[in-house]
């Protein structure tokens, strides 16, 4: 659970134009290249406290962007804690919102969750949204092609609009966790980060990858 992660949105056609056994190295080098630019521009190297994007600088080809979740979300442990907290509160959330959150975080929180009983019983608009990701290649934590980004964006539109409605059940029923996701604002910030990632990818027709770093 102490695994750290790099999340990138990528031009899928550009990525797929390279041999599959070179994808990890290509993505790793891309993410590291914008890290180097940040370190060069900010010699004090303060740890970021809020989410932000890193993009390649010209003349580098702009086929990717790297998202930094900030002080919450760079570790798999943060996502594990958030998923545990969601499990504690989901019974107290309106059914359609509950199903939308289930379906949004299930593919993104690497490996799926255990409480998807309403997947087949959802009502309303959510019942028509399905997200199925292919198995991630070796050394990748997430492998989300553009075809899966569009339904995730539809789910985020519902989740994002109702996010504040989760505050009351979270504050009443969620545990404080054992990491950085200690309150509702951190929990909501983690989900908003994913909403930003999916939105930026969908806008460009790109995919999303997660790398073990």
Protein backbone atom coordinates (compact mmCIF):
# COMPACT_ATOMS: atom_id res chain seq x y z
CA UNK A 1 0.00 0.00 0.00
CA UNK A 2 3.01 2.27 0.14
CA UNK A 3 3.30 2.31 -3.65
CA UNK A 4 3.60 5.79 -5.13
CA UNK A 5 2.07 6.48 -8.51
CA UNK A 6 2.43 8.72 -11.53
CA UNK A 7 -0.78 9.52 -13.41
CA UNK A 8 -0.53 10.72 -17.01
CA UNK A 9 -3.01 11.50 -19.74
CA UNK A 10 -1.65 10.49 -23.13
CA UNK A 11 -2.33 10.71 -26.84
CA UNK A 12 -3.31 7.07 -27.33
CA UNK A 13 -2.54 6.95 -31.05
CA UNK A 14 0.96 8.25 -30.34
CA UNK A 15 1.47 5.70 -27.57
CA UNK A 16 0.11 2.80 -29.62
CA UNK A 17 2.39 3.70 -32.52
CA UNK A 18 5.30 2.40 -30.44
CA UNK A 19 6.00 -1.30 -29.66
CA UNK A 20 4.14 -2.46 -26.56
CA UNK A 21 7.33 -3.53 -24.79
CA UNK A 22 8.51 0.09 -24.95
CA UNK A 23 5.37 1.71 -23.49
CA UNK A 24 6.46 1.70 -19.86
CA UNK A 25 9.87 3.17 -20.57
CA UNK A 26 8.37 5.76 -22.89
CA UNK A 27 5.80 6.84 -20.27
CA UNK A 28 8.27 6.75 -17.41
CA UNK A 29 10.72 8.93 -19.34
CA UNK A 30 7.92 11.35 -20.22
CA UNK A 31 6.86 11.76 -16.60
CA UNK A 32 10.43 12.13 -15.42
CA UNK A 33 11.14 14.78 -18.05
CA UNK A 34 8.55 17.19 -16.60
CA UNK A 35 9.78 16.39 -13.09
CA UNK A 36 13.24 17.52 -14.17
CA UNK A 37 11.81 20.78 -15.52
CA UNK A 38 9.99 21.44 -12.25
CA UNK A 39 13.13 20.80 -10.20
CA UNK A 40 15.16 23.07 -12.47
CA UNK A 41 12.59 25.88 -12.18
CA UNK A 42 12.13 25.46 -8.42
CA UNK A 43 15.51 24.77 -6.79
CA UNK A 44 14.01 24.88 -3.30
CA UNK A 45 11.98 21.78 -4.21
CA UNK A 46 9.09 22.44 -1.82
CA UNK A 47 6.59 19.61 -1.64
CA UNK A 48 3.40 20.57 -3.48
CA UNK A 49 0.34 20.80 -1.24
CA UNK A 50 -2.27 21.14 -3.94
CA UNK A 51 -2.97 19.39 -7.24
CA UNK A 52 -1.37 20.67 -10.45
CA UNK A 53 -0.50 19.69 -13.99
CA UNK A 54 2.89 19.36 -15.63
CA UNK A 55 3.15 19.64 -19.41
CA UNK A 56 6.17 19.21 -21.69
CA UNK A 57 7.80 22.46 -22.76
CA UNK A 58 8.44 23.20 -26.46
CA UNK A 59 10.07 21.95 -28.55
CA UNK A 60 9.04 18.67 -26.88
CA UNK A 61 6.05 17.05 -28.55
CA UNK A 62 2.92 17.65 -26.48
CA UNK A 63 1.52 14.12 -26.42
CA UNK A 64 1.08 13.81 -22.64
CA UNK A 65 0.39 15.64 -19.40
CA UNK A 66 1.24 14.56 -15.85
CA UNK A 67 -1.10 15.17 -12.93
CA UNK A 68 0.23 15.67 -9.42
CA UNK A 69 -2.45 15.06 -6.78
CA UNK A 70 -0.48 17.08 -4.23
CA UNK A 71 -0.23 16.00 -0.62
CA UNK A 72 -3.19 13.59 -0.95
CA UNK A 73 -3.32 11.03 -3.73
CA UNK A 74 0.28 10.36 -4.72
CA UNK A 75 0.26 7.06 -2.82
CA UNK A 76 -1.92 4.02 -3.33
CA UNK A 77 -2.52 4.12 0.44
CA UNK A 78 -4.49 7.34 0.03
CA UNK A 79 -6.81 5.63 -2.44
CA UNK A 80 -7.13 2.56 -0.24
CA UNK A 81 -8.12 4.71 2.74
CA UNK A 82 -10.60 6.68 0.63
CA UNK A 83 -12.19 3.47 -0.64
CA UNK A 84 -12.53 2.19 2.93
CA UNK A 85 -14.19 5.45 3.95
CA UNK A 86 -16.53 5.28 0.97
CA UNK A 87 -17.56 1.77 1.98
CA UNK A 88 -18.43 3.11 5.46
CA UNK A 89 -20.71 5.85 4.12
CA UNK A 90 -22.17 4.52 0.87
CA UNK A 91 -25.25 2.97 2.54
CA UNK A 92 -26.23 6.48 3.65
CA UNK A 93 -25.98 8.03 0.16
CA UNK A 94 -28.84 8.40 -2.34
CA UNK A 95 -28.93 5.33 -4.64
CA UNK A 96 -28.11 7.00 -7.95
CA UNK A 97 -25.23 9.00 -6.46
CA UNK A 98 -23.98 5.88 -4.68
CA UNK A 99 -23.96 3.91 -7.92
CA UNK A 100 -22.24 6.75 -9.79
CA UNK A 101 -19.44 6.97 -7.20
CA UNK A 102 -19.12 3.17 -7.21
CA UNK A 103 -18.75 3.08 -10.96
CA UNK A 104 -16.41 6.07 -11.09
CA UNK A 105 -13.89 4.93 -8.50
CA UNK A 106 -14.04 1.19 -9.14
CA UNK A 107 -11.86 1.19 -12.30
CA UNK A 108 -9.63 4.02 -11.12
CA UNK A 109 -8.71 2.66 -7.71
CA UNK A 110 -6.61 -0.13 -9.27
CA UNK A 111 -8.02 -3.61 -8.91
CA UNK A 112 -11.68 -2.91 -8.26
CA UNK A 113 -13.68 -2.74 -5.07
CA UNK A 114 -15.75 -5.36 -3.31
CA UNK A 115 -19.10 -3.60 -2.94
CA UNK A 116 -20.46 -3.34 -6.45
CA UNK A 117 -23.73 -5.20 -5.70
CA UNK A 118 -25.85 -2.46 -7.28
CA UNK A 119 -23.97 -2.58 -10.58
CA UNK A 120 -26.86 -4.42 -12.23
CA UNK A 121 -29.62 -2.75 -10.20
CA UNK A 122 -28.81 0.92 -10.72
CA UNK A 123 -31.62 3.29 -11.63
CA UNK A 124 -31.69 6.47 -13.64
CA UNK A 125 -28.96 7.71 -15.96
CA UNK A 126 -26.25 5.73 -14.16
CA UNK A 127 -27.85 2.43 -15.20
CA UNK A 128 -26.81 3.15 -18.80
CA UNK A 129 -23.16 3.93 -18.03
CA UNK A 130 -20.71 1.06 -17.92
CA UNK A 131 -16.92 1.25 -17.61
CA UNK A 132 -14.79 -1.79 -18.38
CA UNK A 133 -11.03 -1.40 -18.48
CA UNK A 134 -8.63 -3.88 -20.08
CA UNK A 135 -6.10 -5.50 -17.80
CA UNK A 136 -3.17 -3.19 -17.18
CA UNK A 137 0.13 -4.29 -18.71
CA UNK A 138 2.96 -5.29 -16.41
CA UNK A 139 4.35 -2.38 -14.37
CA UNK A 140 1.25 -0.26 -15.06
CA UNK A 141 -1.26 0.42 -12.29
CA UNK A 142 -3.93 1.81 -14.60
CA UNK A 143 -4.59 1.38 -18.30
CA UNK A 144 -7.57 3.43 -19.45
CA UNK A 145 -8.04 3.84 -23.22
CA UNK A 146 -10.02 6.78 -24.63
CA UNK A 147 -13.12 4.62 -25.10
CA UNK A 148 -13.32 4.21 -21.31
CA UNK A 149 -12.65 7.87 -20.59
CA UNK A 150 -15.93 9.09 -22.08
CA UNK A 151 -18.23 7.06 -19.76
CA UNK A 152 -16.03 8.01 -16.80
CA UNK A 153 -16.57 11.66 -17.72
CA UNK A 154 -20.35 11.11 -17.70
CA UNK A 155 -20.09 9.56 -14.25
CA UNK A 156 -17.92 12.41 -12.97
CA UNK A 157 -20.48 14.97 -14.13
CA UNK A 158 -23.00 13.34 -11.79
CA UNK A 159 -20.53 12.69 -8.96
CA UNK A 160 -18.99 16.16 -9.10
CA UNK A 161 -22.38 17.86 -9.00
CA UNK A 162 -23.41 15.88 -5.90
CA UNK A 163 -20.07 15.77 -4.10
CA UNK A 164 -21.08 18.19 -1.35
CA UNK A 165 -24.03 15.92 -0.52
CA UNK A 166 -21.48 13.35 0.69
CA UNK A 167 -20.15 15.66 3.41
CA UNK A 168 -22.82 14.93 6.03
CA UNK A 169 -22.66 11.11 5.79
CA UNK A 170 -18.87 11.27 5.61
CA UNK A 171 -18.57 13.37 8.75
CA UNK A 172 -21.06 11.16 10.60
CA UNK A 173 -19.98 7.68 9.54
CA UNK A 174 -16.46 7.67 8.05
CA UNK A 175 -13.43 6.81 10.13
CA UNK A 176 -10.49 9.18 10.23
CA UNK A 177 -8.30 6.76 8.30
CA UNK A 178 -4.63 6.09 8.94
CA UNK A 179 -3.02 8.33 6.37
CA UNK A 180 -3.52 11.70 4.75
CA UNK A 181 -7.22 11.30 3.93
CA UNK A 182 -8.38 12.38 7.37
CA UNK A 183 -11.42 14.52 6.57
CA UNK A 184 -14.07 15.15 3.95
CA UNK A 185 -12.13 17.90 2.19
CA UNK A 186 -9.20 15.53 1.57
CA UNK A 187 -11.59 12.79 0.42
CA UNK A 188 -13.42 15.16 -1.92
CA UNK A 189 -10.14 16.61 -3.16
CA UNK A 190 -8.96 13.15 -4.18
CA UNK A 191 -12.14 12.59 -6.19
CA UNK A 192 -11.91 16.07 -7.75
CA UNK A 193 -8.35 15.27 -8.80
CA UNK A 194 -9.60 12.23 -10.68
CA UNK A 195 -12.41 14.32 -12.15
CA UNK A 196 -9.81 16.76 -13.47
CA UNK A 197 -7.73 13.93 -14.95
CA UNK A 198 -10.72 12.39 -16.70
CA UNK A 199 -11.98 15.76 -17.90
CA UNK A 200 -8.63 16.79 -19.39
CA UNK A 201 -8.26 13.40 -21.11
CA UNK A 202 -11.80 13.42 -22.49
CA UNK A 203 -11.40 16.94 -23.85
CA UNK A 204 -8.44 15.78 -25.95
CA UNK A 205 -9.69 12.29 -26.83
CA UNK A 206 -6.74 10.83 -24.87
CA UNK A 207 -6.34 7.92 -22.48
CA UNK A 208 -5.09 7.71 -18.89
CA UNK A 209 -2.28 5.61 -17.46
CA UNK A 210 -0.99 5.03 -13.95
CA UNK A 211 2.62 4.02 -13.41
CA UNK A 212 4.24 2.51 -10.35
CA UNK A 213 7.00 4.96 -9.42
